Amino acid sequence: MGVFVYLPLVLPLSALPMARLAEQHLHPRSATLLLAVVGSTLALCSTLCLALLMVVGTAQLPGNPLPDGWSDPEVRAAVPYEEKAGLIAIGVLGAVLAACCSTLLRHTRIRLRAARALPESGGGSAGDLALVPSPEPYAYALPGRRGQGGRVVVSTAMMDCLDARERAALVAHERAHLTGRHHRYLLATQLAARANPFLLPLRTAVAYSTERWADEDAAYAVGSRRAVATAVGRAALLSHRPGPGMLPAFAAAGPVPRRVAALLDPEPSVGLWPPASAHLALAAVTATTGTVASALSSLNATVTLVGILHAATPL
């Protein structure tokens, strides 16, 4: 194992340059997919290595439920670098699991609370659009349960603040969130950031790129980038609460001026090659190298530890 078991804990740093450059130069859909995959892979690798270190630490505790051979001096000598770190990893991994479970529980509670707040079928609801009587202007996408479609939730105050074209842009934006399953990417990067704090910039970048992805889809649906830009800007000025946290929202807190400026520019290219800049190409190579190195380090540490402990386990 040696030093390889520690690499996945710090290699997420290699993806940080990619986070900002991807949201600036890539199509939002490509940026979201790329950053979500890279972040999830790096988080899984770092969590796996914490688990490996925990196994070593647990094997050295007296009275542990593992086979006696796992705590033999020969086993300790075979993994000398992890002798103390393994004990620390027990607490760190416990904190990671608790944070991830808390995030999943909060996400579930928010979705259930938002679903219960919806009006019954009929009245202000039409299809996947649910109008909620409220003096607060807000709009958000509420994903459906498995096998059920989601809902676009808009307050009557928000509808009253927009003209007909801007309303169409708002609804198209939220439907794009539902169609693209953006809540899954947001949740994946939330969990990745909980597993490894070095991935926090990727979570922020994905939150922005999913909004930009929905903006672009809305502009295509209504046929006007300016109408979507106007709706985004006006909704951000009027909305004091964008909706339930951890759900895609039209007036989500964040760099709204950047979204508006991007919508006033020409449509971004969907191509990944050639890279838009040399800095983006270098960042992509760095992030890819870091992700591959993290995966290989995790695999190497896993195979090594399994081999050592298998040899120490009595038949």
Protein backbone atom coordinates (compact mmCIF):
# COMPACT_ATOMS: atom_id res chain seq x y z
CA MET A 1 0.00 0.00 0.00
CA GLY A 2 2.49 2.60 1.12
CA VAL A 3 1.91 6.17 0.07
CA PHE A 4 -0.53 5.17 -2.70
CA VAL A 5 -3.38 4.87 -0.21
CA TYR A 6 -3.11 8.58 0.59
CA LEU A 7 -3.08 9.90 -2.98
CA PRO A 8 -6.87 9.73 -3.59
CA LEU A 9 -7.37 11.95 -0.54
CA VAL A 10 -5.49 14.86 -2.15
CA LEU A 11 -5.82 14.18 -5.89
CA PRO A 12 -9.22 15.97 -6.05
CA LEU A 13 -7.11 19.14 -6.03
CA SER A 14 -6.14 18.29 -9.62
CA ALA A 15 -9.75 18.88 -10.74
CA LEU A 16 -10.08 22.40 -9.33
CA PRO A 17 -8.70 24.28 -12.38
CA MET A 18 -11.16 22.36 -14.53
CA ALA A 19 -14.18 23.53 -12.53
CA ARG A 20 -13.96 27.22 -13.43
CA LEU A 21 -12.66 26.73 -16.97
CA ALA A 22 -15.35 24.17 -17.83
CA GLU A 23 -18.20 26.46 -16.83
CA GLN A 24 -16.60 29.30 -18.82
CA HIS A 25 -15.67 27.53 -22.06
CA LEU A 26 -17.72 24.34 -22.38
CA HIS A 27 -21.38 23.95 -23.26
CA PRO A 28 -23.28 23.81 -19.94
CA ARG A 29 -24.49 20.27 -20.64
CA SER A 30 -20.94 19.05 -21.28
CA ALA A 31 -19.61 20.90 -18.23
CA THR A 32 -22.28 19.40 -15.98
CA LEU A 33 -21.70 15.84 -17.15
CA LEU A 34 -17.91 16.12 -17.03
CA LEU A 35 -17.68 17.71 -13.60
CA ALA A 36 -20.29 15.39 -12.07
CA VAL A 37 -18.48 12.28 -13.33
CA VAL A 38 -15.04 13.53 -12.27
CA GLY A 39 -16.27 14.67 -8.85
CA SER A 40 -18.16 11.44 -8.14
CA THR A 41 -15.19 9.29 -9.19
CA LEU A 42 -12.72 11.22 -7.04
CA ALA A 43 -15.09 11.14 -4.06
CA LEU A 44 -15.61 7.39 -4.35
CA CYS A 45 -11.86 6.79 -4.55
CA SER A 46 -11.09 8.93 -1.50
CA THR A 47 -13.88 7.25 0.50
CA LEU A 48 -12.61 3.81 -0.51
CA CYS A 49 -9.13 4.66 0.72
CA LEU A 50 -10.55 5.89 4.02
CA ALA A 51 -12.30 2.54 4.31
CA LEU A 52 -9.04 0.71 3.65
CA LEU A 53 -7.28 2.73 6.31
CA MET A 54 -10.15 2.03 8.69
CA VAL A 55 -9.75 -1.71 8.15
CA VAL A 56 -6.10 -1.44 9.12
CA GLY A 57 -6.95 0.61 12.20
CA THR A 58 -9.73 -1.74 13.23
CA ALA A 59 -7.46 -4.75 12.86
CA GLN A 60 -5.13 -3.26 15.44
CA LEU A 61 -7.79 -2.59 18.06
CA PRO A 62 -8.00 -5.17 20.86
CA GLY A 63 -11.16 -7.22 20.87
CA ASN A 64 -12.05 -6.44 17.25
CA PRO A 65 -14.39 -8.89 15.50
CA LEU A 66 -11.94 -9.53 12.66
CA PRO A 67 -9.82 -12.70 12.40
CA ASP A 68 -6.92 -12.72 14.85
CA GLY A 69 -4.41 -13.07 12.04
CA TRP A 70 -5.31 -9.59 10.75
CA SER A 71 -3.62 -7.94 13.74
CA ASP A 72 -0.49 -10.11 13.74
CA PRO A 73 2.87 -8.27 13.84
CA GLU A 74 3.59 -9.53 10.32
CA VAL A 75 0.48 -7.77 9.03
CA ARG A 76 1.40 -4.57 10.85
CA ALA A 77 4.91 -4.73 9.40
CA ALA A 78 3.46 -5.14 5.90
CA VAL A 79 1.49 -1.88 6.20
CA PRO A 80 3.71 0.31 8.39
CA TYR A 81 2.57 3.67 7.00
CA GLU A 82 -1.07 3.14 7.94
CA GLU A 83 -0.57 1.99 11.53
CA LYS A 84 -1.63 5.29 13.15
CA ALA A 85 -3.54 6.79 10.25
CA GLY A 86 -5.87 3.80 10.27
CA LEU A 87 -7.14 4.71 13.72
CA ILE A 88 -7.75 8.31 12.62
CA ALA A 89 -9.55 7.09 9.50
CA ILE A 90 -12.20 5.40 11.63
CA GLY A 91 -13.44 8.73 12.92
CA VAL A 92 -13.01 10.51 9.57
CA LEU A 93 -14.94 7.86 7.66
CA GLY A 94 -17.67 7.93 10.28
CA ALA A 95 -17.94 11.71 9.82
CA VAL A 96 -18.10 11.31 6.02
CA LEU A 97 -20.86 8.71 6.22
CA ALA A 98 -22.80 10.83 8.71
CA ALA A 99 -22.50 13.90 6.46
CA CYS A 100 -23.62 11.98 3.37
CA CYS A 101 -26.57 10.43 5.19
CA SER A 102 -27.54 13.87 6.50
CA THR A 103 -27.45 15.27 2.95
CA LEU A 104 -29.60 12.45 1.60
CA LEU A 105 -32.08 12.82 4.45
CA ARG A 106 -32.31 16.58 3.98
CA HIS A 107 -32.82 16.18 0.24
CA THR A 108 -35.62 13.66 0.82
CA ARG A 109 -37.32 15.83 3.43
CA ILE A 110 -37.19 18.89 1.16
CA ARG A 111 -38.78 16.99 -1.72
CA LEU A 112 -41.52 15.56 0.50
CA ARG A 113 -42.24 18.94 2.09
CA ALA A 114 -42.39 20.64 -1.31
CA ALA A 115 -44.69 17.92 -2.67
CA ARG A 116 -47.07 18.26 0.29
CA ALA A 117 -47.25 22.02 -0.25
CA LEU A 118 -48.58 21.62 -3.80
CA PRO A 119 -52.25 22.27 -4.51
CA GLU A 120 -54.49 19.36 -5.38
CA SER A 121 -55.07 18.57 -9.05
CA GLY A 122 -57.18 21.14 -10.74
CA GLY A 123 -57.62 24.75 -9.74
CA GLY A 124 -54.32 26.47 -10.48
CA SER A 125 -52.62 23.34 -11.82
CA ALA A 126 -52.39 22.33 -15.45
CA GLY A 127 -50.37 19.32 -16.55
CA ASP A 128 -46.92 19.51 -15.01
CA LEU A 129 -47.40 23.18 -14.07
CA ALA A 130 -48.56 23.90 -10.52
CA LEU A 131 -49.56 27.47 -9.64
CA VAL A 132 -49.31 28.14 -5.92
CA PRO A 133 -51.19 31.15 -4.52
CA SER A 134 -48.49 33.13 -2.75
CA PRO A 135 -47.42 36.77 -2.41
CA GLU A 136 -43.77 35.64 -2.67
CA PRO A 137 -42.43 35.39 -6.25
CA TYR A 138 -40.61 32.06 -6.73
CA ALA A 139 -40.33 29.15 -9.15
CA TYR A 140 -38.61 25.79 -8.93
CA ALA A 141 -38.59 22.29 -10.41
CA LEU A 142 -39.87 19.49 -8.19
CA PRO A 143 -38.70 16.06 -9.41
CA GLY A 144 -41.26 13.28 -9.37
CA ARG A 145 -40.96 9.94 -7.71
CA ARG A 146 -39.83 6.90 -9.66
CA GLY A 147 -42.20 6.32 -12.56
CA GLN A 148 -43.89 9.71 -12.10
CA GLY A 149 -43.28 12.99 -13.82
CA GLY A 150 -42.06 16.05 -11.99
CA ARG A 151 -43.83 19.36 -11.48
CA VAL A 152 -42.98 22.94 -12.32
CA VAL A 153 -43.98 24.94 -9.25
CA VAL A 154 -44.58 28.67 -9.76
CA SER A 155 -46.16 31.17 -7.41
CA THR A 156 -48.93 33.44 -8.65
CA ALA A 157 -46.83 36.45 -7.64
CA MET A 158 -44.04 35.34 -9.97
CA MET A 159 -46.44 34.88 -12.86
CA ASP A 160 -47.91 38.35 -12.27
CA CYS A 161 -44.44 39.91 -12.45
CA LEU A 162 -43.60 38.54 -15.92
CA ASP A 163 -45.06 39.11 -19.35
CA ALA A 164 -46.30 36.27 -21.57
CA ARG A 165 -42.95 35.55 -23.24
CA GLU A 166 -41.06 35.65 -19.98
CA ARG A 167 -43.58 33.26 -18.43
CA ALA A 168 -42.97 30.84 -21.29
CA ALA A 169 -39.22 31.16 -20.71
CA LEU A 170 -39.64 30.49 -16.99
CA VAL A 171 -41.73 27.35 -17.53
CA ALA A 172 -39.36 26.11 -20.26
CA HIS A 173 -36.40 26.63 -17.93
CA GLU A 174 -37.95 24.58 -15.14
CA ARG A 175 -39.06 21.85 -17.55
CA ALA A 176 -35.48 21.64 -18.77
CA HIS A 177 -34.40 20.95 -15.18
CA LEU A 178 -36.89 18.07 -15.02
CA THR A 179 -36.05 16.66 -18.44
CA GLY A 180 -32.30 16.79 -17.79
CA ARG A 181 -32.67 15.30 -14.28
CA HIS A 182 -30.47 18.11 -12.99
CA HIS A 183 -31.32 17.30 -9.38
CA ARG A 184 -29.33 14.09 -9.72
CA TYR A 185 -26.17 15.93 -10.75
CA LEU A 186 -26.67 18.43 -7.94
CA LEU A 187 -27.14 15.66 -5.39
CA ALA A 188 -24.14 13.71 -6.69
CA THR A 189 -21.83 16.70 -6.36
CA GLN A 190 -23.32 17.54 -2.95
CA LEU A 191 -22.40 14.06 -1.75
CA ALA A 192 -18.97 14.28 -3.39
CA ALA A 193 -18.24 17.53 -1.58
CA ARG A 194 -19.35 15.94 1.69
CA ALA A 195 -16.99 13.04 1.09
CA ASN A 196 -14.03 15.27 0.26
CA PRO A 197 -14.01 19.04 0.98
CA PHE A 198 -11.53 19.59 -1.88
CA LEU A 199 -14.47 18.99 -4.24
CA LEU A 200 -16.52 21.96 -2.99
CA PRO A 201 -15.58 24.09 -6.05
CA LEU A 202 -16.96 21.35 -8.33
CA ARG A 203 -20.27 21.47 -6.47
CA THR A 204 -20.49 25.22 -7.04
CA ALA A 205 -19.55 24.84 -10.70
CA VAL A 206 -22.19 22.16 -11.30
CA ALA A 207 -24.86 24.28 -9.59
CA TYR A 208 -24.06 27.08 -12.04
CA SER A 209 -23.75 24.88 -15.13
CA THR A 210 -27.11 23.18 -14.52
CA GLU A 211 -28.77 26.61 -14.45
CA ARG A 212 -26.96 27.56 -17.65
CA TRP A 213 -28.00 24.25 -19.22
CA ALA A 214 -31.64 25.00 -18.42
CA ASP A 215 -31.21 28.57 -19.70
CA GLU A 216 -29.96 27.31 -23.06
CA ASP A 217 -32.77 24.78 -23.38
CA ALA A 218 -35.31 27.46 -22.52
CA ALA A 219 -33.85 29.83 -25.11
CA TYR A 220 -34.16 27.12 -27.74
CA ALA A 221 -37.75 26.35 -26.67
CA VAL A 222 -39.02 29.96 -26.80
CA GLY A 223 -36.78 31.01 -29.69
CA SER A 224 -35.33 34.04 -27.92
CA ARG A 225 -32.18 34.23 -25.79
CA ARG A 226 -33.02 37.81 -24.82
CA ALA A 227 -36.44 36.81 -23.44
CA VAL A 228 -34.82 34.21 -21.17
CA ALA A 229 -32.14 36.71 -20.09
CA THR A 230 -34.81 39.27 -19.21
CA ALA A 231 -36.85 36.70 -17.29
CA VAL A 232 -33.79 35.50 -15.34
CA GLY A 233 -32.79 39.03 -14.40
CA ARG A 234 -36.28 40.13 -13.42
CA ALA A 235 -36.97 36.98 -11.39
CA ALA A 236 -33.69 37.36 -9.51
CA LEU A 237 -34.54 40.95 -8.61
CA LEU A 238 -38.02 40.07 -7.39
CA SER A 239 -37.44 36.74 -5.66
CA HIS A 240 -36.51 36.78 -1.97
CA ARG A 241 -36.59 33.00 -1.61
CA PRO A 242 -35.91 30.88 -4.71
CA GLY A 243 -37.75 27.86 -3.31
CA PRO A 244 -36.74 24.80 -1.32
CA GLY A 245 -33.01 24.35 -0.97
CA MET A 246 -31.20 21.64 -2.97
CA LEU A 247 -33.81 21.81 -5.77
CA PRO A 248 -33.20 23.58 -9.11
CA ALA A 249 -34.80 27.03 -8.98
CA PHE A 250 -35.27 29.71 -11.63
CA ALA A 251 -33.98 32.52 -9.42
CA ALA A 252 -31.35 30.40 -7.70
CA ALA A 253 -28.80 32.27 -5.67
CA GLY A 254 -25.58 32.62 -7.59
CA PRO A 255 -23.93 34.55 -10.41
CA VAL A 256 -27.11 35.77 -12.13
CA PRO A 257 -25.23 38.55 -14.02
CA ARG A 258 -23.00 35.88 -15.58
CA ARG A 259 -26.06 33.90 -16.67
CA VAL A 260 -27.63 36.98 -18.22
CA ALA A 261 -24.39 37.93 -19.98
CA ALA A 262 -24.01 34.39 -21.34
CA LEU A 263 -27.56 34.50 -22.72
CA LEU A 264 -26.85 37.78 -24.49
CA ASP A 265 -23.82 36.17 -26.17
CA PRO A 266 -24.09 33.70 -29.09
CA GLU A 267 -25.08 30.12 -28.29
CA PRO A 268 -22.09 28.11 -27.00
CA SER A 269 -20.68 25.32 -29.12
CA VAL A 270 -21.52 21.76 -28.12
CA GLY A 271 -18.22 20.39 -29.47
CA LEU A 272 -15.55 19.19 -27.08
CA TRP A 273 -12.73 19.14 -29.60
CA PRO A 274 -10.65 21.13 -30.33
CA PRO A 275 -10.48 22.78 -26.88
CA ALA A 276 -11.60 26.39 -26.66
CA SER A 277 -8.25 27.42 -25.15
CA ALA A 278 -4.87 26.03 -24.19
CA HIS A 279 -5.70 26.58 -20.52
CA LEU A 280 -8.82 24.44 -20.85
CA ALA A 281 -6.86 21.67 -22.57
CA LEU A 282 -4.22 21.72 -19.82
CA ALA A 283 -6.87 21.70 -17.10
CA ALA A 284 -8.66 18.79 -18.79
CA VAL A 285 -5.44 16.78 -18.99
CA THR A 286 -4.65 17.55 -15.35
CA ALA A 287 -8.12 16.57 -14.17
CA THR A 288 -8.10 13.38 -16.26
CA THR A 289 -4.64 12.43 -15.01
CA GLY A 290 -5.66 13.07 -11.41
CA THR A 291 -8.85 11.04 -11.76
CA VAL A 292 -7.07 8.11 -13.39
CA ALA A 293 -4.26 8.25 -10.83
CA SER A 294 -6.81 8.30 -8.02
CA ALA A 295 -8.63 5.28 -9.43
CA LEU A 296 -5.39 3.34 -9.96
CA SER A 297 -4.11 4.23 -6.49
CA SER A 298 -7.35 3.03 -4.93
CA LEU A 299 -7.21 -0.18 -6.93
CA ASN A 300 -3.57 -0.77 -6.01
CA ALA A 301 -4.22 -0.18 -2.31
CA THR A 302 -7.29 -2.42 -2.38
CA VAL A 303 -5.54 -5.31 -4.13
CA THR A 304 -2.50 -5.02 -1.85
CA LEU A 305 -4.52 -4.94 1.37
CA VAL A 306 -6.80 -7.77 0.27
CA GLY A 307 -3.74 -9.89 -0.58
CA ILE A 308 -2.09 -9.18 2.78
CA LEU A 309 -5.20 -9.81 4.85
CA HIS A 310 -6.13 -12.89 2.85
CA ALA A 311 -2.71 -14.36 3.56
CA ALA A 312 -3.10 -13.52 7.25
CA THR A 313 -6.60 -15.01 7.52
CA PRO A 314 -6.58 -18.58 8.82
CA LEU A 315 -8.48 -21.11 6.75
